[in-house]
Amino acid sequence: MNSVKPIDWLGDSLRRVRAFSKPVRQQVGFELEMVQHGMEPSDWKPMPSIGPGVREIRVHADGEHRVFYSANFKHCIYVPNAFVKKAQKTPESVIRLGGSGIRKRFEEKRGDYESEN
């Protein structure tokens, strides 16, 4: 039996998910619960440009919504960003987050990951 990993919401990612419509929040919750139990979400793609092991959950309800996460850490799942997708390609501004950036958030956690392995 797999233990359930807690979610560590980085930056304003939780606030962003809470701003989604109720059906989208419910789907995001379901997808992240699957990840917490060691399973894959129903619709995702790898995001190696952000960091090793980073994935993007794709929710197709009330428009297009995305949630970045990494489950490569033993103690938790990191969620650095969530957003409404308005263009085919994920905008660099979403990845950068105005300077602090998703990449930087994962770089800060990479030391934790490397010390666990």
N, C-alpha and C. Protein backbone atom coordinates (compact mmCIF):
# COMPACT_ATOMS: atom_id res chain seq x y z
N MET A 1 0.84 -1.19 0.00
CA MET A 1 0.00 0.00 0.00
C MET A 1 0.88 1.24 0.00
N ASN A 2 0.63 2.17 -0.92
CA ASN A 2 1.41 3.40 -1.01
C ASN A 2 0.96 4.39 0.04
N SER A 3 1.93 5.06 0.66
CA SER A 3 1.57 6.14 1.58
C SER A 3 1.22 7.37 0.75
N VAL A 4 0.41 8.23 1.33
CA VAL A 4 -0.04 9.44 0.63
C VAL A 4 0.96 10.55 0.90
N LYS A 5 1.52 11.10 -0.18
CA LYS A 5 2.45 12.22 -0.05
C LYS A 5 1.68 13.52 0.10
N PRO A 6 2.08 14.36 1.03
CA PRO A 6 1.44 15.68 1.12
C PRO A 6 1.87 16.56 -0.04
N ILE A 7 1.11 17.60 -0.28
CA ILE A 7 1.42 18.56 -1.34
C ILE A 7 2.00 19.82 -0.71
N ASP A 8 3.11 20.28 -1.27
CA ASP A 8 3.72 21.54 -0.85
C ASP A 8 3.45 22.55 -1.97
N TRP A 9 2.56 23.49 -1.69
CA TRP A 9 2.19 24.52 -2.66
C TRP A 9 3.22 25.62 -2.61
N LEU A 10 3.93 25.85 -3.69
CA LEU A 10 4.97 26.87 -3.74
C LEU A 10 4.40 28.18 -4.27
N GLY A 11 4.92 29.30 -3.75
CA GLY A 11 4.48 30.61 -4.21
C GLY A 11 2.98 30.77 -4.05
N ASP A 12 2.33 31.28 -5.10
CA ASP A 12 0.89 31.53 -5.05
C ASP A 12 0.09 30.44 -5.77
N SER A 13 0.67 29.26 -5.92
CA SER A 13 0.00 28.20 -6.69
C SER A 13 -1.34 27.79 -6.08
N LEU A 14 -1.44 27.70 -4.77
CA LEU A 14 -2.71 27.32 -4.14
C LEU A 14 -3.76 28.41 -4.37
N ARG A 15 -3.38 29.66 -4.24
CA ARG A 15 -4.32 30.77 -4.49
C ARG A 15 -4.83 30.70 -5.92
N ARG A 16 -3.93 30.39 -6.85
CA ARG A 16 -4.32 30.30 -8.26
C ARG A 16 -5.33 29.17 -8.49
N VAL A 17 -5.10 28.02 -7.88
CA VAL A 17 -6.05 26.90 -8.04
C VAL A 17 -7.39 27.26 -7.41
N ARG A 18 -7.36 27.91 -6.27
CA ARG A 18 -8.61 28.31 -5.61
C ARG A 18 -9.41 29.30 -6.45
N ALA A 19 -8.76 30.01 -7.37
CA ALA A 19 -9.45 30.96 -8.25
C ALA A 19 -10.11 30.27 -9.44
N PHE A 20 -9.79 29.01 -9.70
CA PHE A 20 -10.42 28.27 -10.78
C PHE A 20 -11.89 28.02 -10.45
N SER A 21 -12.70 27.72 -11.46
CA SER A 21 -14.10 27.38 -11.23
C SER A 21 -14.19 26.07 -10.43
N LYS A 22 -15.34 25.84 -9.83
CA LYS A 22 -15.51 24.64 -9.01
C LYS A 22 -15.24 23.35 -9.78
N PRO A 23 -15.77 23.17 -11.01
CA PRO A 23 -15.47 21.92 -11.73
C PRO A 23 -13.96 21.73 -11.99
N VAL A 24 -13.26 22.81 -12.26
CA VAL A 24 -11.82 22.72 -12.51
C VAL A 24 -11.10 22.38 -11.20
N ARG A 25 -11.47 23.04 -10.11
CA ARG A 25 -10.86 22.73 -8.80
C ARG A 25 -11.06 21.26 -8.44
N GLN A 26 -12.26 20.75 -8.69
CA GLN A 26 -12.53 19.35 -8.39
C GLN A 26 -11.65 18.42 -9.23
N GLN A 27 -11.50 18.73 -10.51
CA GLN A 27 -10.66 17.90 -11.38
C GLN A 27 -9.20 17.97 -10.96
N VAL A 28 -8.71 19.18 -10.65
CA VAL A 28 -7.33 19.34 -10.19
C VAL A 28 -7.12 18.53 -8.91
N GLY A 29 -8.08 18.60 -7.99
CA GLY A 29 -7.98 17.83 -6.75
C GLY A 29 -7.92 16.34 -7.00
N PHE A 30 -8.76 15.85 -7.92
CA PHE A 30 -8.75 14.44 -8.27
C PHE A 30 -7.41 14.02 -8.86
N GLU A 31 -6.91 14.84 -9.80
CA GLU A 31 -5.64 14.51 -10.46
C GLU A 31 -4.49 14.51 -9.45
N LEU A 32 -4.45 15.50 -8.58
CA LEU A 32 -3.36 15.54 -7.59
C LEU A 32 -3.49 14.42 -6.57
N GLU A 33 -4.71 14.01 -6.25
CA GLU A 33 -4.88 12.87 -5.34
C GLU A 33 -4.32 11.60 -5.96
N MET A 34 -4.52 11.43 -7.26
CA MET A 34 -3.93 10.27 -7.94
C MET A 34 -2.41 10.30 -7.79
N VAL A 35 -1.81 11.47 -8.00
CA VAL A 35 -0.35 11.61 -7.87
C VAL A 35 0.07 11.30 -6.43
N GLN A 36 -0.69 11.78 -5.47
CA GLN A 36 -0.36 11.52 -4.06
C GLN A 36 -0.33 10.03 -3.75
N HIS A 37 -1.12 9.25 -4.47
CA HIS A 37 -1.18 7.80 -4.26
C HIS A 37 -0.23 7.04 -5.18
N GLY A 38 0.66 7.76 -5.87
CA GLY A 38 1.67 7.10 -6.69
C GLY A 38 1.21 6.76 -8.09
N MET A 39 0.05 7.28 -8.50
CA MET A 39 -0.45 7.02 -9.85
C MET A 39 -0.22 8.24 -10.74
N GLU A 40 -0.45 8.06 -12.02
CA GLU A 40 -0.30 9.18 -12.95
C GLU A 40 -1.64 9.88 -13.13
N PRO A 41 -1.61 11.20 -13.34
CA PRO A 41 -2.86 11.89 -13.66
C PRO A 41 -3.39 11.42 -15.01
N SER A 42 -4.65 11.70 -15.29
CA SER A 42 -5.26 11.20 -16.52
C SER A 42 -4.74 11.89 -17.77
N ASP A 43 -4.32 13.16 -17.66
CA ASP A 43 -3.80 13.88 -18.83
C ASP A 43 -2.64 14.75 -18.37
N TRP A 44 -1.45 14.43 -18.83
CA TRP A 44 -0.26 15.17 -18.42
C TRP A 44 0.78 15.13 -19.51
N LYS A 45 1.77 16.00 -19.38
CA LYS A 45 2.93 15.92 -20.28
C LYS A 45 4.16 16.34 -19.50
N PRO A 46 5.32 15.81 -19.87
CA PRO A 46 6.57 16.18 -19.18
C PRO A 46 6.96 17.61 -19.54
N MET A 47 7.60 18.29 -18.60
CA MET A 47 8.05 19.66 -18.81
C MET A 47 9.54 19.77 -18.46
N PRO A 48 10.40 19.08 -19.23
CA PRO A 48 11.84 19.09 -18.91
C PRO A 48 12.47 20.48 -19.00
N SER A 49 11.84 21.40 -19.71
CA SER A 49 12.39 22.76 -19.80
C SER A 49 12.32 23.47 -18.45
N ILE A 50 11.45 23.00 -17.57
CA ILE A 50 11.33 23.60 -16.24
C ILE A 50 12.26 22.89 -15.26
N GLY A 51 12.35 21.58 -15.37
CA GLY A 51 13.23 20.83 -14.48
C GLY A 51 13.02 19.34 -14.66
N PRO A 52 13.98 18.54 -14.21
CA PRO A 52 13.85 17.09 -14.34
C PRO A 52 12.67 16.58 -13.51
N GLY A 53 11.84 15.77 -14.14
CA GLY A 53 10.70 15.18 -13.43
C GLY A 53 9.49 16.09 -13.28
N VAL A 54 9.55 17.29 -13.84
CA VAL A 54 8.41 18.20 -13.73
C VAL A 54 7.38 17.81 -14.79
N ARG A 55 6.12 17.78 -14.38
CA ARG A 55 5.02 17.45 -15.27
C ARG A 55 3.96 18.54 -15.22
N GLU A 56 3.15 18.56 -16.25
CA GLU A 56 2.06 19.51 -16.35
C GLU A 56 0.75 18.72 -16.42
N ILE A 57 -0.11 18.90 -15.42
CA ILE A 57 -1.44 18.32 -15.47
C ILE A 57 -2.29 19.21 -16.35
N ARG A 58 -3.03 18.58 -17.26
CA ARG A 58 -3.87 19.34 -18.20
C ARG A 58 -5.34 19.06 -17.89
N VAL A 59 -6.07 20.14 -17.63
CA VAL A 59 -7.50 20.03 -17.32
C VAL A 59 -8.27 20.78 -18.41
N HIS A 60 -9.18 20.09 -19.06
CA HIS A 60 -9.94 20.64 -20.17
C HIS A 60 -11.39 20.87 -19.73
N ALA A 61 -11.60 21.80 -18.84
CA ALA A 61 -12.94 22.14 -18.37
C ALA A 61 -12.99 23.65 -18.18
N ASP A 62 -14.07 24.27 -18.61
CA ASP A 62 -14.18 25.74 -18.52
C ASP A 62 -12.94 26.41 -19.11
N GLY A 63 -12.49 25.92 -20.25
CA GLY A 63 -11.26 26.41 -20.87
C GLY A 63 -10.13 25.43 -20.62
N GLU A 64 -8.92 25.91 -20.74
CA GLU A 64 -7.74 25.07 -20.52
C GLU A 64 -7.00 25.53 -19.27
N HIS A 65 -6.70 24.59 -18.38
CA HIS A 65 -6.02 24.90 -17.13
C HIS A 65 -4.82 23.97 -16.99
N ARG A 66 -3.77 24.47 -16.37
CA ARG A 66 -2.55 23.69 -16.19
C ARG A 66 -2.05 23.82 -14.76
N VAL A 67 -1.49 22.71 -14.26
CA VAL A 67 -0.88 22.68 -12.93
C VAL A 67 0.45 21.96 -13.07
N PHE A 68 1.55 22.65 -12.74
CA PHE A 68 2.87 22.03 -12.75
C PHE A 68 3.11 21.35 -11.41
N TYR A 69 3.77 20.18 -11.46
CA TYR A 69 4.11 19.50 -10.22
C TYR A 69 5.35 18.63 -10.43
N SER A 70 5.95 18.25 -9.31
CA SER A 70 7.01 17.25 -9.32
C SER A 70 6.78 16.31 -8.16
N ALA A 71 6.76 15.02 -8.46
CA ALA A 71 6.58 13.99 -7.43
C ALA A 71 7.88 13.24 -7.18
N ASN A 72 9.01 13.81 -7.60
CA ASN A 72 10.31 13.15 -7.47
C ASN A 72 10.90 13.21 -6.07
N PHE A 73 10.21 13.86 -5.18
CA PHE A 73 10.72 14.02 -3.82
C PHE A 73 10.04 12.98 -2.92
N LYS A 74 10.81 12.39 -2.00
CA LYS A 74 10.27 11.34 -1.14
C LYS A 74 9.22 11.86 -0.17
N HIS A 75 9.42 13.06 0.33
CA HIS A 75 8.56 13.54 1.40
C HIS A 75 7.32 14.31 0.95
N CYS A 76 7.26 14.80 -0.29
CA CYS A 76 6.08 15.55 -0.72
C CYS A 76 6.06 15.73 -2.23
N ILE A 77 4.96 16.30 -2.69
CA ILE A 77 4.79 16.68 -4.09
C ILE A 77 4.83 18.20 -4.12
N TYR A 78 5.67 18.74 -4.97
CA TYR A 78 5.76 20.19 -5.10
C TYR A 78 4.88 20.67 -6.24
N VAL A 79 4.10 21.72 -5.97
CA VAL A 79 3.26 22.36 -6.99
C VAL A 79 3.68 23.84 -7.04
N PRO A 80 4.49 24.22 -8.03
CA PRO A 80 4.98 25.60 -8.08
C PRO A 80 4.10 26.58 -8.83
N ASN A 81 3.15 26.08 -9.67
CA ASN A 81 2.33 27.02 -10.42
C ASN A 81 1.09 26.34 -10.97
N ALA A 82 0.05 27.15 -11.15
CA ALA A 82 -1.19 26.75 -11.80
C ALA A 82 -1.68 27.96 -12.56
N PHE A 83 -2.28 27.73 -13.73
CA PHE A 83 -2.70 28.88 -14.53
C PHE A 83 -3.74 28.47 -15.56
N VAL A 84 -4.44 29.48 -16.07
CA VAL A 84 -5.36 29.29 -17.18
C VAL A 84 -4.54 29.44 -18.45
N LYS A 85 -4.61 28.45 -19.30
CA LYS A 85 -3.81 28.47 -20.52
C LYS A 85 -4.61 29.15 -21.63
N LYS A 86 -4.01 30.16 -22.23
CA LYS A 86 -4.70 30.93 -23.27
C LYS A 86 -4.03 30.81 -24.63
N ALA A 87 -2.86 30.20 -24.70
CA ALA A 87 -2.12 30.05 -25.96
C ALA A 87 -1.72 28.58 -26.11
N GLN A 88 -1.42 28.17 -27.33
CA GLN A 88 -1.02 26.79 -27.57
C GLN A 88 0.25 26.43 -26.81
N LYS A 89 1.25 27.31 -26.87
CA LYS A 89 2.51 27.07 -26.18
C LYS A 89 2.48 27.76 -24.82
N THR A 90 3.02 27.08 -23.81
CA THR A 90 3.09 27.70 -22.49
C THR A 90 4.00 28.92 -22.56
N PRO A 91 3.46 30.09 -22.24
CA PRO A 91 4.25 31.32 -22.35
C PRO A 91 5.47 31.32 -21.43
N GLU A 92 6.56 31.86 -21.92
CA GLU A 92 7.78 31.96 -21.11
C GLU A 92 7.51 32.75 -19.83
N SER A 93 6.59 33.72 -19.88
CA SER A 93 6.29 34.51 -18.68
C SER A 93 5.69 33.65 -17.58
N VAL A 94 4.95 32.61 -17.94
CA VAL A 94 4.40 31.69 -16.95
C VAL A 94 5.53 30.88 -16.32
N ILE A 95 6.46 30.45 -17.15
CA ILE A 95 7.60 29.68 -16.65
C ILE A 95 8.49 30.55 -15.78
N ARG A 96 8.72 31.79 -16.19
CA ARG A 96 9.59 32.70 -15.43
C ARG A 96 8.91 33.24 -14.18
N LEU A 97 7.59 33.45 -14.24
CA LEU A 97 6.83 34.04 -13.13
C LEU A 97 7.43 35.36 -12.68
N GLY A 98 7.76 36.20 -13.62
CA GLY A 98 8.23 37.53 -13.28
C GLY A 98 9.52 37.56 -12.51
N GLY A 99 10.41 36.63 -12.74
CA GLY A 99 11.72 36.69 -12.10
C GLY A 99 11.96 35.59 -11.08
N SER A 100 10.96 35.34 -10.20
CA SER A 100 11.19 34.29 -9.20
C SER A 100 11.14 32.93 -9.89
N GLY A 101 10.18 32.74 -10.74
CA GLY A 101 10.15 31.63 -11.66
C GLY A 101 9.98 30.25 -11.11
N ILE A 102 9.31 29.43 -11.93
CA ILE A 102 9.14 28.02 -11.60
C ILE A 102 10.50 27.33 -11.56
N ARG A 103 11.34 27.62 -12.53
CA ARG A 103 12.67 26.99 -12.55
C ARG A 103 13.40 27.29 -11.25
N LYS A 104 13.35 28.53 -10.81
CA LYS A 104 14.05 28.90 -9.58
C LYS A 104 13.44 28.18 -8.38
N ARG A 105 12.12 28.08 -8.34
CA ARG A 105 11.48 27.39 -7.22
C ARG A 105 11.93 25.93 -7.16
N PHE A 106 12.05 25.29 -8.33
CA PHE A 106 12.53 23.91 -8.33
C PHE A 106 14.02 23.82 -8.04
N GLU A 107 14.79 24.79 -8.50
CA GLU A 107 16.22 24.80 -8.18
C GLU A 107 16.42 24.85 -6.67
N GLU A 108 15.60 25.64 -5.99
CA GLU A 108 15.71 25.76 -4.53
C GLU A 108 15.39 24.43 -3.86
N LYS A 109 14.50 23.64 -4.45
CA LYS A 109 14.11 22.35 -3.88
C LYS A 109 15.02 21.22 -4.34
N ARG A 110 15.80 21.45 -5.41
CA ARG A 110 16.64 20.38 -5.96
C ARG A 110 17.62 19.85 -4.91
N GLY A 111 18.15 20.73 -4.08
CA GLY A 111 19.04 20.29 -3.01
C GLY A 111 18.36 19.31 -2.08
N ASP A 112 17.08 19.54 -1.80
CA ASP A 112 16.32 18.61 -0.97
C ASP A 112 16.22 17.25 -1.66
N TYR A 113 15.94 17.26 -2.96
CA TYR A 113 15.79 16.04 -3.73
C TYR A 113 17.10 15.27 -3.77
N GLU A 114 18.19 15.98 -4.07
CA GLU A 114 19.48 15.30 -4.18
C GLU A 114 19.93 14.73 -2.84
N SER A 115 19.58 15.38 -1.74
CA SER A 115 19.97 14.86 -0.43
C SER A 115 19.14 13.65 -0.03
N GLU A 116 17.95 13.48 -0.67
CA GLU A 116 17.11 12.32 -0.37
C GLU A 116 17.56 11.08 -1.11
N ASN A 117 18.24 11.23 -2.22
CA ASN A 117 18.62 10.07 -3.05
C ASN A 117 20.03 9.64 -2.81
